[in-house]
Amino acid sequence: MNDKRYRRIINAWCMYDWANSAFATTILAAVLPIYYSQVAGATLPSEARATAYWSLGLSLSLLIVAVLSPILGTISDVMRGKKPFCLREV
């Protein structure tokens, strides 16, 4: 692989990482919890209950990721092809 193409690939991954970090910071940490408690949780008795449900859902999803990550990482290592494993459509 030539040097210019390699640099383009590295730059593309850097831009992807930067954009993904910006999304996680603004949407997942700032916008989505407020949306959930005010809009999606509007039918709940209180905003505190909506926040509690949001926190519980987030905790459960992180627990699932913590359990599945080592398993999926091992499968990826055994398959000897990490890139196709990451790019599969669900």
C-alpha atoms as a PDB file:
ATOM      1  CA  MET A   1       0.000   0.000   0.000  1.00  0.00           C
ATOM      2  CA  ASN A   2       1.447   3.336  -0.936  1.00  0.00           C
ATOM      3  CA  ASP A   3       2.085   6.085   1.594  1.00  0.00           C
ATOM      4  CA  LYS A   4      -0.546   8.491   0.237  1.00  0.00           C
ATOM      5  CA  ARG A   5      -3.344   5.908   0.386  1.00  0.00           C
ATOM      6  CA  TYR A   6      -2.280   4.858   3.887  1.00  0.00           C
ATOM      7  CA  ARG A   7      -2.460   8.485   5.068  1.00  0.00           C
ATOM      8  CA  ARG A   8      -5.953   8.854   3.563  1.00  0.00           C
ATOM      9  CA  ILE A   9      -7.125   5.767   5.433  1.00  0.00           C
ATOM     10  CA  ILE A  10      -5.650   7.038   8.722  1.00  0.00           C
ATOM     11  CA  ASN A  11      -7.229  10.469   8.195  1.00  0.00           C
ATOM     12  CA  ALA A  12     -10.604   8.869   7.451  1.00  0.00           C
ATOM     13  CA  TRP A  13     -10.497   6.854  10.674  1.00  0.00           C
ATOM     14  CA  CYS A  14      -9.440   9.943  12.639  1.00  0.00           C
ATOM     15  CA  MET A  15     -12.375  11.935  11.241  1.00  0.00           C
ATOM     16  CA  TYR A  16     -14.746   9.062  12.014  1.00  0.00           C
ATOM     17  CA  ASP A  17     -13.491   8.892  15.600  1.00  0.00           C
ATOM     18  CA  TRP A  18     -13.787  12.656  16.016  1.00  0.00           C
ATOM     19  CA  ALA A  19     -17.348  12.718  14.660  1.00  0.00           C
ATOM     20  CA  ASN A  20     -18.389   9.749  16.785  1.00  0.00           C
ATOM     21  CA  SER A  21     -17.001  11.410  19.922  1.00  0.00           C
ATOM     22  CA  ALA A  22     -18.832  14.641  19.146  1.00  0.00           C
ATOM     23  CA  PHE A  23     -22.079  12.726  18.627  1.00  0.00           C
ATOM     24  CA  ALA A  24     -21.719  10.845  21.902  1.00  0.00           C
ATOM     25  CA  THR A  25     -20.921  14.007  23.801  1.00  0.00           C
ATOM     26  CA  THR A  26     -23.720  16.173  22.470  1.00  0.00           C
ATOM     27  CA  ILE A  27     -26.558  13.788  21.696  1.00  0.00           C
ATOM     28  CA  LEU A  28     -26.145  10.920  24.128  1.00  0.00           C
ATOM     29  CA  ALA A  29     -24.933  12.912  27.122  1.00  0.00           C
ATOM     30  CA  ALA A  30     -26.802  16.215  26.756  1.00  0.00           C
ATOM     31  CA  VAL A  31     -29.823  15.991  24.450  1.00  0.00           C
ATOM     32  CA  LEU A  32     -31.231  12.476  24.796  1.00  0.00           C
ATOM     33  CA  PRO A  33     -31.705  12.418  28.604  1.00  0.00           C
ATOM     34  CA  ILE A  34     -33.601  15.722  28.489  1.00  0.00           C
ATOM     35  CA  TYR A  35     -35.714  14.530  25.572  1.00  0.00           C
ATOM     36  CA  TYR A  36     -36.522  11.299  27.342  1.00  0.00           C
ATOM     37  CA  SER A  37     -37.546  12.902  30.618  1.00  0.00           C
ATOM     38  CA  GLN A  38     -39.650  15.674  29.026  1.00  0.00           C
ATOM     39  CA  VAL A  39     -41.134  14.052  25.908  1.00  0.00           C
ATOM     40  CA  ALA A  40     -40.930  10.275  26.105  1.00  0.00           C
ATOM     41  CA  GLY A  41     -41.592  10.278  29.849  1.00  0.00           C
ATOM     42  CA  ALA A  42     -44.409  12.846  29.672  1.00  0.00           C
ATOM     43  CA  THR A  43     -47.008  10.229  30.600  1.00  0.00           C
ATOM     44  CA  LEU A  44     -45.123   9.180  33.721  1.00  0.00           C
ATOM     45  CA  PRO A  45     -46.115  10.601  37.116  1.00  0.00           C
ATOM     46  CA  SER A  46     -42.969  12.718  37.502  1.00  0.00           C
ATOM     47  CA  GLU A  47     -39.817  13.793  35.743  1.00  0.00           C
ATOM     48  CA  ALA A  48     -37.834  12.023  38.457  1.00  0.00           C
ATOM     49  CA  ARG A  49     -39.473   8.718  37.506  1.00  0.00           C
ATOM     50  CA  ALA A  50     -38.541   9.288  33.851  1.00  0.00           C
ATOM     51  CA  THR A  51     -34.955   9.992  34.871  1.00  0.00           C
ATOM     52  CA  ALA A  52     -34.910   6.840  36.979  1.00  0.00           C
ATOM     53  CA  TYR A  53     -36.145   4.764  34.025  1.00  0.00           C
ATOM     54  CA  TRP A  54     -33.541   6.366  31.773  1.00  0.00           C
ATOM     55  CA  SER A  55     -30.781   5.563  34.272  1.00  0.00           C
ATOM     56  CA  LEU A  56     -31.970   1.984  34.689  1.00  0.00           C
ATOM     57  CA  GLY A  57     -32.148   1.420  30.941  1.00  0.00           C
ATOM     58  CA  LEU A  58     -28.697   2.893  30.445  1.00  0.00           C
ATOM     59  CA  SER A  59     -27.253   0.762  33.263  1.00  0.00           C
ATOM     60  CA  LEU A  60     -28.760  -2.431  31.857  1.00  0.00           C
ATOM     61  CA  SER A  61     -27.495  -1.696  28.360  1.00  0.00           C
ATOM     62  CA  LEU A  62     -23.972  -1.064  29.680  1.00  0.00           C
ATOM     63  CA  LEU A  63     -24.116  -4.306  31.653  1.00  0.00           C
ATOM     64  CA  ILE A  64     -25.074  -6.198  28.487  1.00  0.00           C
ATOM     65  CA  VAL A  65     -22.170  -4.592  26.610  1.00  0.00           C
ATOM     66  CA  ALA A  66     -19.771  -5.446  29.452  1.00  0.00           C
ATOM     67  CA  VAL A  67     -20.828  -9.097  29.339  1.00  0.00           C
ATOM     68  CA  LEU A  68     -20.908  -9.482  25.542  1.00  0.00           C
ATOM     69  CA  SER A  69     -17.734  -7.542  24.652  1.00  0.00           C
ATOM     70  CA  PRO A  70     -15.217 -10.191  25.761  1.00  0.00           C
ATOM     71  CA  ILE A  71     -17.245 -12.924  24.056  1.00  0.00           C
ATOM     72  CA  LEU A  72     -17.554 -11.021  20.787  1.00  0.00           C
ATOM     73  CA  GLY A  73     -13.893  -9.997  20.974  1.00  0.00           C
ATOM     74  CA  THR A  74     -12.864 -13.632  21.313  1.00  0.00           C
ATOM     75  CA  ILE A  75     -15.046 -14.628  18.364  1.00  0.00           C
ATOM     76  CA  SER A  76     -13.489 -11.841  16.333  1.00  0.00           C
ATOM     77  CA  ASP A  77      -9.977 -13.012  17.228  1.00  0.00           C
ATOM     78  CA  VAL A  78     -10.770 -16.612  16.327  1.00  0.00           C
ATOM     79  CA  MET A  79     -12.267 -15.582  12.980  1.00  0.00           C
ATOM     80  CA  ARG A  80      -8.947 -13.840  12.133  1.00  0.00           C
ATOM     81  CA  GLY A  81     -10.832 -11.078  10.375  1.00  0.00           C
ATOM     82  CA  LYS A  82     -11.879  -8.241  12.628  1.00  0.00           C
ATOM     83  CA  LYS A  83     -12.886  -5.810   9.915  1.00  0.00           C
ATOM     84  CA  PRO A  84     -15.591  -7.975   8.264  1.00  0.00           C
ATOM     85  CA  PHE A  85     -16.908  -8.855  11.723  1.00  0.00           C
ATOM     86  CA  CYS A  86     -17.331  -5.182  12.607  1.00  0.00           C
ATOM     87  CA  LEU A  87     -18.940  -4.260   9.302  1.00  0.00           C
ATOM     88  CA  ARG A  88     -21.686  -6.881   9.227  1.00  0.00           C
ATOM     89  CA  GLU A  89     -25.210  -5.586   9.105  1.00  0.00           C
ATOM     90  CA  VAL A  90     -27.501  -6.609  11.905  1.00  0.00           C
END
